[in-house]
Amino acid sequence: MQFITTSFDELTVRQLQQIYKLRVAVFVVEQACPYQEVDDTDLMAWHLRGLDSTGQLLVYARLMREANQQARIGRVITNPIVRGLRGHGYGQQLLQQAIVQIQALWPSTTQINIQAQHYLDRFYRGFGFQPVSGVYLEDGIPHQNMILTLN
């Protein structure tokens, strides 16, 4: 898998369409969660895409800089086509690359924040993320806030 991190302004219209198509298919349609998926944060975020050899979007995450030497990972997603092929570690590769890219983009980052779907608690803990909130509903889906402290 090839990872590419791109600012919004560097994305082509086809790349942006591929990202939005995937995000809406999973976060709005599959999860039956009607909300404004496309937002202004996209304009300021860096877009991490994992592509196969044909250019198909396999995984995606949005990376944002926050105040006080913090960053945020959002819209973490694996393509539904890929999710059926368990055992390839695409989600792990994506999160690992997201952490690496944040450290490259903003070397002074001391903490990475994420609003994680609660069912993925163990997955994120495997990377060192720790919960800092109780479980709450966001758009009808249980979430929790988690942080990863960087050295």
N, C-alpha and C. Protein backbone atom coordinates (compact mmCIF):
# COMPACT_ATOMS: atom_id res chain seq x y z
N MET A 1 0.85 -1.17 0.00
CA MET A 1 0.00 0.00 0.00
C MET A 1 0.89 1.23 0.00
N GLN A 2 0.52 2.19 -0.80
CA GLN A 2 1.25 3.46 -0.88
C GLN A 2 0.46 4.52 -0.12
N PHE A 3 1.14 5.21 0.80
CA PHE A 3 0.50 6.29 1.56
C PHE A 3 0.91 7.64 0.99
N ILE A 4 -0.08 8.52 0.88
CA ILE A 4 0.14 9.87 0.39
C ILE A 4 -0.58 10.83 1.32
N THR A 5 0.12 11.86 1.78
CA THR A 5 -0.47 12.88 2.63
C THR A 5 -0.52 14.17 1.82
N THR A 6 -1.71 14.74 1.72
CA THR A 6 -1.94 15.87 0.83
C THR A 6 -2.77 16.94 1.53
N SER A 7 -2.42 18.20 1.29
CA SER A 7 -3.28 19.28 1.77
C SER A 7 -4.52 19.32 0.88
N PHE A 8 -5.55 19.97 1.35
CA PHE A 8 -6.80 20.06 0.59
C PHE A 8 -6.56 20.67 -0.79
N ASP A 9 -5.80 21.76 -0.83
CA ASP A 9 -5.58 22.46 -2.09
C ASP A 9 -4.77 21.65 -3.10
N GLU A 10 -4.05 20.64 -2.64
CA GLU A 10 -3.27 19.80 -3.54
C GLU A 10 -4.06 18.61 -4.09
N LEU A 11 -5.22 18.33 -3.51
CA LEU A 11 -6.03 17.22 -3.99
C LEU A 11 -6.63 17.55 -5.35
N THR A 12 -6.64 16.59 -6.24
CA THR A 12 -7.36 16.79 -7.50
C THR A 12 -8.85 16.59 -7.24
N VAL A 13 -9.67 17.02 -8.15
CA VAL A 13 -11.12 16.84 -7.96
C VAL A 13 -11.47 15.35 -7.93
N ARG A 14 -10.77 14.55 -8.68
CA ARG A 14 -11.02 13.09 -8.67
C ARG A 14 -10.62 12.46 -7.33
N GLN A 15 -9.50 12.90 -6.78
CA GLN A 15 -9.08 12.39 -5.47
C GLN A 15 -10.07 12.80 -4.39
N LEU A 16 -10.52 14.04 -4.44
CA LEU A 16 -11.49 14.53 -3.48
C LEU A 16 -12.81 13.77 -3.60
N GLN A 17 -13.24 13.50 -4.81
CA GLN A 17 -14.46 12.74 -5.02
C GLN A 17 -14.33 11.33 -4.46
N GLN A 18 -13.18 10.73 -4.63
CA GLN A 18 -12.92 9.39 -4.10
C GLN A 18 -13.00 9.39 -2.57
N ILE A 19 -12.43 10.41 -1.95
CA ILE A 19 -12.47 10.53 -0.49
C ILE A 19 -13.91 10.72 -0.01
N TYR A 20 -14.61 11.67 -0.60
CA TYR A 20 -15.99 11.95 -0.16
C TYR A 20 -16.90 10.76 -0.40
N LYS A 21 -16.72 10.10 -1.51
CA LYS A 21 -17.55 8.94 -1.82
C LYS A 21 -17.38 7.86 -0.75
N LEU A 22 -16.13 7.60 -0.35
CA LEU A 22 -15.86 6.60 0.68
C LEU A 22 -16.42 7.03 2.03
N ARG A 23 -16.16 8.27 2.42
CA ARG A 23 -16.61 8.74 3.73
C ARG A 23 -18.13 8.71 3.84
N VAL A 24 -18.82 9.17 2.82
CA VAL A 24 -20.29 9.17 2.86
C VAL A 24 -20.83 7.74 2.84
N ALA A 25 -20.22 6.86 2.04
CA ALA A 25 -20.68 5.47 1.97
C ALA A 25 -20.64 4.80 3.33
N VAL A 26 -19.60 5.08 4.11
CA VAL A 26 -19.46 4.41 5.41
C VAL A 26 -20.11 5.20 6.53
N PHE A 27 -19.72 6.46 6.70
CA PHE A 27 -20.17 7.22 7.87
C PHE A 27 -21.64 7.64 7.79
N VAL A 28 -22.18 7.83 6.60
CA VAL A 28 -23.57 8.27 6.48
C VAL A 28 -24.48 7.10 6.10
N VAL A 29 -24.16 6.40 5.02
CA VAL A 29 -25.05 5.35 4.52
C VAL A 29 -24.94 4.07 5.35
N GLU A 30 -23.75 3.48 5.43
CA GLU A 30 -23.58 2.21 6.14
C GLU A 30 -23.95 2.32 7.61
N GLN A 31 -23.54 3.41 8.26
CA GLN A 31 -23.83 3.57 9.68
C GLN A 31 -25.18 4.23 9.93
N ALA A 32 -25.94 4.46 8.86
CA ALA A 32 -27.28 5.06 8.95
C ALA A 32 -27.26 6.29 9.86
N CYS A 33 -26.37 7.21 9.55
CA CYS A 33 -26.12 8.36 10.39
C CYS A 33 -26.16 9.64 9.56
N PRO A 34 -27.36 10.20 9.37
CA PRO A 34 -27.44 11.41 8.54
C PRO A 34 -26.86 12.62 9.25
N TYR A 35 -25.76 13.12 8.74
CA TYR A 35 -25.14 14.33 9.27
C TYR A 35 -24.33 14.98 8.16
N GLN A 36 -23.88 16.20 8.40
CA GLN A 36 -23.11 16.94 7.41
C GLN A 36 -21.68 16.40 7.39
N GLU A 37 -21.42 15.39 6.59
CA GLU A 37 -20.12 14.71 6.56
C GLU A 37 -19.02 15.61 6.01
N VAL A 38 -19.29 16.35 4.98
CA VAL A 38 -18.31 17.26 4.39
C VAL A 38 -18.38 18.56 5.17
N ASP A 39 -17.25 19.00 5.74
CA ASP A 39 -17.25 20.21 6.55
C ASP A 39 -16.03 21.08 6.25
N ASP A 40 -16.00 22.23 6.87
CA ASP A 40 -14.91 23.18 6.61
C ASP A 40 -13.56 22.72 7.15
N THR A 41 -13.55 21.76 8.06
CA THR A 41 -12.29 21.24 8.56
C THR A 41 -11.47 20.61 7.44
N ASP A 42 -12.15 20.08 6.42
CA ASP A 42 -11.45 19.51 5.28
C ASP A 42 -10.49 20.51 4.64
N LEU A 43 -10.86 21.78 4.66
CA LEU A 43 -10.05 22.81 4.03
C LEU A 43 -8.70 23.01 4.71
N MET A 44 -8.64 22.77 6.03
CA MET A 44 -7.43 23.00 6.80
C MET A 44 -6.68 21.71 7.11
N ALA A 45 -7.31 20.57 6.91
CA ALA A 45 -6.73 19.28 7.28
C ALA A 45 -5.75 18.79 6.21
N TRP A 46 -4.94 17.85 6.63
CA TRP A 46 -4.12 17.08 5.71
C TRP A 46 -4.83 15.75 5.53
N HIS A 47 -4.85 15.25 4.32
CA HIS A 47 -5.62 14.06 3.97
C HIS A 47 -4.67 12.92 3.67
N LEU A 48 -4.70 11.91 4.54
CA LEU A 48 -3.82 10.74 4.42
C LEU A 48 -4.59 9.64 3.71
N ARG A 49 -4.07 9.26 2.55
CA ARG A 49 -4.72 8.22 1.75
C ARG A 49 -3.78 7.05 1.56
N GLY A 50 -4.33 5.85 1.72
CA GLY A 50 -3.60 4.63 1.42
C GLY A 50 -4.18 4.02 0.16
N LEU A 51 -3.35 3.86 -0.86
CA LEU A 51 -3.82 3.42 -2.17
C LEU A 51 -3.20 2.08 -2.55
N ASP A 52 -3.95 1.28 -3.29
CA ASP A 52 -3.37 0.06 -3.83
C ASP A 52 -2.64 0.39 -5.13
N SER A 53 -2.09 -0.62 -5.78
CA SER A 53 -1.28 -0.39 -6.99
C SER A 53 -2.09 0.17 -8.16
N THR A 54 -3.42 0.07 -8.12
CA THR A 54 -4.25 0.62 -9.19
C THR A 54 -4.76 2.01 -8.87
N GLY A 55 -4.44 2.52 -7.67
CA GLY A 55 -4.91 3.84 -7.26
C GLY A 55 -6.22 3.81 -6.49
N GLN A 56 -6.74 2.61 -6.19
CA GLN A 56 -7.97 2.51 -5.42
C GLN A 56 -7.70 2.93 -3.98
N LEU A 57 -8.61 3.72 -3.43
CA LEU A 57 -8.50 4.19 -2.05
C LEU A 57 -8.85 3.05 -1.10
N LEU A 58 -7.86 2.58 -0.33
CA LEU A 58 -8.07 1.48 0.60
C LEU A 58 -8.38 1.98 2.01
N VAL A 59 -7.65 3.02 2.44
CA VAL A 59 -7.81 3.57 3.77
C VAL A 59 -7.65 5.09 3.71
N TYR A 60 -8.19 5.75 4.74
CA TYR A 60 -8.16 7.22 4.75
C TYR A 60 -8.22 7.72 6.20
N ALA A 61 -7.55 8.82 6.46
CA ALA A 61 -7.68 9.54 7.73
C ALA A 61 -7.41 11.02 7.48
N ARG A 62 -8.01 11.83 8.31
CA ARG A 62 -7.84 13.27 8.24
C ARG A 62 -6.98 13.70 9.42
N LEU A 63 -5.95 14.51 9.16
CA LEU A 63 -5.00 14.95 10.18
C LEU A 63 -5.13 16.45 10.36
N MET A 64 -5.28 16.88 11.62
CA MET A 64 -5.46 18.29 11.91
C MET A 64 -4.52 18.73 13.02
N ARG A 65 -4.03 19.94 12.89
CA ARG A 65 -3.22 20.55 13.95
C ARG A 65 -4.17 21.25 14.91
N GLU A 66 -3.88 21.14 16.20
CA GLU A 66 -4.68 21.80 17.22
C GLU A 66 -3.77 22.68 18.08
N ALA A 67 -4.37 23.42 18.98
CA ALA A 67 -3.61 24.32 19.85
C ALA A 67 -2.77 23.52 20.85
N ASN A 68 -1.84 24.21 21.48
CA ASN A 68 -1.03 23.65 22.57
C ASN A 68 -0.26 22.40 22.17
N GLN A 69 0.34 22.41 21.00
CA GLN A 69 1.19 21.31 20.50
C GLN A 69 0.43 19.99 20.42
N GLN A 70 -0.85 20.08 20.06
CA GLN A 70 -1.67 18.89 19.91
C GLN A 70 -2.10 18.75 18.45
N ALA A 71 -2.43 17.51 18.10
CA ALA A 71 -2.95 17.22 16.76
C ALA A 71 -4.14 16.28 16.94
N ARG A 72 -4.89 16.10 15.87
CA ARG A 72 -6.08 15.25 15.91
C ARG A 72 -6.10 14.36 14.67
N ILE A 73 -6.51 13.13 14.88
CA ILE A 73 -6.78 12.21 13.78
C ILE A 73 -8.29 12.04 13.71
N GLY A 74 -8.84 12.18 12.53
CA GLY A 74 -10.29 12.03 12.36
C GLY A 74 -10.62 11.30 11.08
N ARG A 75 -11.88 10.92 10.98
CA ARG A 75 -12.41 10.24 9.79
C ARG A 75 -11.60 9.00 9.42
N VAL A 76 -11.17 8.26 10.43
CA VAL A 76 -10.39 7.04 10.21
C VAL A 76 -11.30 6.00 9.56
N ILE A 77 -10.87 5.49 8.41
CA ILE A 77 -11.78 4.62 7.65
C ILE A 77 -11.01 3.62 6.80
N THR A 78 -11.55 2.42 6.72
CA THR A 78 -11.07 1.44 5.74
C THR A 78 -12.20 1.22 4.76
N ASN A 79 -11.84 1.03 3.53
CA ASN A 79 -12.81 0.83 2.47
C ASN A 79 -13.61 -0.44 2.75
N PRO A 80 -14.96 -0.40 2.63
CA PRO A 80 -15.77 -1.60 2.89
C PRO A 80 -15.33 -2.81 2.07
N ILE A 81 -14.83 -2.59 0.88
CA ILE A 81 -14.35 -3.69 0.04
C ILE A 81 -13.16 -4.37 0.72
N VAL A 82 -12.30 -3.56 1.33
CA VAL A 82 -11.09 -4.07 1.96
C VAL A 82 -11.42 -4.72 3.30
N ARG A 83 -12.39 -4.15 4.03
CA ARG A 83 -12.71 -4.67 5.35
C ARG A 83 -13.09 -6.14 5.32
N GLY A 84 -13.61 -6.62 4.22
CA GLY A 84 -13.94 -8.03 4.10
C GLY A 84 -12.72 -8.92 4.00
N LEU A 85 -11.60 -8.33 3.71
CA LEU A 85 -10.35 -9.08 3.57
C LEU A 85 -9.53 -8.96 4.85
N ARG A 86 -10.01 -9.56 5.91
CA ARG A 86 -9.35 -9.46 7.22
C ARG A 86 -7.94 -10.05 7.18
N GLY A 87 -7.12 -9.57 8.09
CA GLY A 87 -5.79 -10.14 8.23
C GLY A 87 -4.70 -9.40 7.47
N HIS A 88 -5.07 -8.37 6.72
CA HIS A 88 -4.06 -7.63 5.98
C HIS A 88 -3.45 -6.49 6.81
N GLY A 89 -4.10 -6.11 7.90
CA GLY A 89 -3.57 -5.08 8.77
C GLY A 89 -3.68 -3.68 8.21
N TYR A 90 -4.65 -3.44 7.32
CA TYR A 90 -4.77 -2.11 6.70
C TYR A 90 -5.08 -1.02 7.73
N GLY A 91 -5.95 -1.32 8.69
CA GLY A 91 -6.26 -0.34 9.73
C GLY A 91 -5.05 0.00 10.57
N GLN A 92 -4.28 -1.02 10.93
CA GLN A 92 -3.06 -0.79 11.71
C GLN A 92 -2.06 0.04 10.93
N GLN A 93 -1.90 -0.28 9.65
CA GLN A 93 -0.97 0.48 8.82
C GLN A 93 -1.40 1.94 8.73
N LEU A 94 -2.70 2.16 8.59
CA LEU A 94 -3.22 3.53 8.48
C LEU A 94 -2.92 4.32 9.75
N LEU A 95 -3.25 3.76 10.90
CA LEU A 95 -3.05 4.50 12.14
C LEU A 95 -1.57 4.74 12.41
N GLN A 96 -0.75 3.75 12.15
CA GLN A 96 0.69 3.90 12.31
C GLN A 96 1.20 5.04 11.41
N GLN A 97 0.75 5.06 10.18
CA GLN A 97 1.18 6.10 9.25
C GLN A 97 0.64 7.47 9.65
N ALA A 98 -0.55 7.52 10.20
CA ALA A 98 -1.13 8.79 10.66
C ALA A 98 -0.25 9.39 11.77
N ILE A 99 0.18 8.57 12.70
CA ILE A 99 1.03 9.04 13.78
C ILE A 99 2.37 9.53 13.23
N VAL A 100 2.96 8.78 12.31
CA VAL A 100 4.23 9.17 11.69
C VAL A 100 4.07 10.49 10.94
N GLN A 101 3.00 10.64 10.19
CA GLN A 101 2.79 11.86 9.41
C GLN A 101 2.58 13.07 10.31
N ILE A 102 1.84 12.90 11.40
CA ILE A 102 1.66 14.02 12.33
C ILE A 102 3.01 14.46 12.88
N GLN A 103 3.85 13.52 13.24
CA GLN A 103 5.17 13.87 13.78
C GLN A 103 6.04 14.54 12.72
N ALA A 104 5.86 14.18 11.45
CA ALA A 104 6.62 14.82 10.37
C ALA A 104 6.08 16.22 10.06
N LEU A 105 4.76 16.37 10.04
CA LEU A 105 4.15 17.67 9.73
C LEU A 105 4.35 18.68 10.85
N TRP A 106 4.20 18.22 12.08
CA TRP A 106 4.26 19.10 13.25
C TRP A 106 5.15 18.45 14.31
N PRO A 107 6.48 18.56 14.16
CA PRO A 107 7.42 17.85 15.04
C PRO A 107 7.28 18.19 16.52
N SER A 108 6.73 19.34 16.86
CA SER A 108 6.60 19.71 18.27
C SER A 108 5.33 19.14 18.92
N THR A 109 4.58 18.33 18.19
CA THR A 109 3.35 17.75 18.74
C THR A 109 3.67 16.86 19.94
N THR A 110 2.94 17.09 21.02
CA THR A 110 3.13 16.30 22.24
C THR A 110 1.95 15.37 22.53
N GLN A 111 0.82 15.60 21.85
CA GLN A 111 -0.37 14.80 22.11
C GLN A 111 -1.22 14.68 20.86
N ILE A 112 -1.72 13.48 20.62
CA ILE A 112 -2.65 13.25 19.51
C ILE A 112 -4.00 12.88 20.11
N ASN A 113 -5.04 13.56 19.65
CA ASN A 113 -6.41 13.35 20.13
C ASN A 113 -7.22 12.60 19.08
N ILE A 114 -8.18 11.84 19.55
CA ILE A 114 -9.08 11.14 18.63
C ILE A 114 -10.43 10.95 19.32
N GLN A 115 -11.51 11.10 18.57
CA GLN A 115 -12.85 10.75 19.03
C GLN A 115 -13.12 9.38 18.43
N ALA A 116 -12.92 8.35 19.23
CA ALA A 116 -12.96 6.98 18.73
C ALA A 116 -14.33 6.36 18.92
N GLN A 117 -14.78 5.62 17.91
CA GLN A 117 -15.97 4.81 18.13
C GLN A 117 -15.61 3.79 19.21
N HIS A 118 -16.48 3.65 20.19
CA HIS A 118 -16.16 2.86 21.38
C HIS A 118 -15.80 1.41 21.07
N TYR A 119 -16.40 0.82 20.05
CA TYR A 119 -16.10 -0.58 19.75
C TYR A 119 -14.64 -0.77 19.32
N LEU A 120 -13.95 0.33 18.99
CA LEU A 120 -12.54 0.26 18.58
C LEU A 120 -11.58 0.59 19.73
N ASP A 121 -12.08 0.59 20.95
CA ASP A 121 -11.26 0.92 22.12
C ASP A 121 -9.97 0.10 22.16
N ARG A 122 -10.08 -1.20 22.04
CA ARG A 122 -8.90 -2.07 22.12
C ARG A 122 -7.92 -1.80 20.98
N PHE A 123 -8.45 -1.55 19.80
CA PHE A 123 -7.61 -1.23 18.64
C PHE A 123 -6.73 -0.01 18.94
N TYR A 124 -7.35 1.08 19.41
CA TYR A 124 -6.59 2.31 19.67
C TYR A 124 -5.66 2.15 20.87
N ARG A 125 -6.09 1.40 21.88
CA ARG A 125 -5.21 1.16 23.03
C ARG A 125 -3.93 0.44 22.58
N GLY A 126 -4.03 -0.38 21.56
CA GLY A 126 -2.86 -1.09 21.04
C GLY A 126 -1.78 -0.15 20.51
N PHE A 127 -2.15 1.08 20.22
CA PHE A 127 -1.18 2.09 19.76
C PHE A 127 -0.78 3.04 20.88
N GLY A 128 -1.31 2.79 22.08
CA GLY A 128 -0.97 3.64 23.22
C GLY A 128 -1.99 4.70 23.55
N PHE A 129 -3.08 4.79 22.82
CA PHE A 129 -4.13 5.75 23.14
C PHE A 129 -4.81 5.34 24.44
N GLN A 130 -5.16 6.34 25.24
CA GLN A 130 -5.86 6.10 26.50
C GLN A 130 -7.15 6.91 26.53
N PRO A 131 -8.24 6.33 27.05
CA PRO A 131 -9.50 7.08 27.13
C PRO A 131 -9.38 8.22 28.14
N VAL A 132 -9.97 9.36 27.79
CA VAL A 132 -10.00 10.52 28.69
C VAL A 132 -11.42 11.03 28.89
N SER A 133 -12.39 10.23 28.46
CA SER A 133 -13.79 10.56 28.69
C SER A 133 -14.57 9.26 28.86
N GLY A 134 -15.76 9.41 29.35
CA GLY A 134 -16.66 8.27 29.36
C GLY A 134 -17.22 8.07 27.96
N VAL A 135 -17.99 7.03 27.79
CA VAL A 135 -18.62 6.76 26.50
C VAL A 135 -19.81 7.71 26.35
N TYR A 136 -19.93 8.31 25.17
CA TYR A 136 -21.03 9.23 24.87
C TYR A 136 -21.52 8.95 23.46
N LEU A 137 -22.72 9.41 23.17
CA LEU A 137 -23.28 9.23 21.83
C LEU A 137 -22.94 10.42 20.96
N GLU A 138 -22.40 10.15 19.81
CA GLU A 138 -22.18 11.17 18.79
C GLU A 138 -22.91 10.67 17.55
N ASP A 139 -23.91 11.41 17.13
CA ASP A 139 -24.74 11.01 16.00
C ASP A 139 -25.30 9.60 16.20
N GLY A 140 -25.65 9.28 17.45
CA GLY A 140 -26.26 8.00 17.76
C GLY A 140 -25.30 6.83 17.88
N ILE A 141 -23.99 7.09 17.79
CA ILE A 141 -22.97 6.04 17.83
C ILE A 141 -22.10 6.25 19.08
N PRO A 142 -21.90 5.19 19.90
CA PRO A 142 -21.05 5.34 21.09
C PRO A 142 -19.60 5.68 20.72
N HIS A 143 -19.10 6.75 21.32
CA HIS A 143 -17.73 7.23 21.13
C HIS A 143 -17.08 7.46 22.48
N GLN A 144 -15.77 7.63 22.46
CA GLN A 144 -15.03 8.12 23.62
C GLN A 144 -13.84 8.92 23.13
N ASN A 145 -13.45 9.91 23.90
CA ASN A 145 -12.27 10.68 23.58
C ASN A 145 -11.06 9.92 24.08
N MET A 146 -10.01 9.89 23.26
CA MET A 146 -8.78 9.20 23.62
C MET A 146 -7.59 10.09 23.25
N ILE A 147 -6.49 9.92 23.96
CA ILE A 147 -5.27 10.67 23.65
C ILE A 147 -4.07 9.72 23.59
N LEU A 148 -3.11 10.12 22.79
CA LEU A 148 -1.82 9.46 22.73
C LEU A 148 -0.79 10.53 23.09
N THR A 149 -0.05 10.30 24.16
CA THR A 149 1.01 11.23 24.57
C THR A 149 2.30 10.83 23.86
N LEU A 150 2.92 11.81 23.20
CA LEU A 150 4.17 11.58 22.49
C LEU A 150 5.34 12.06 23.32
N ASN A 151 6.48 11.44 23.15
CA ASN A 151 7.70 11.84 23.88
C ASN A 151 8.29 13.10 23.28
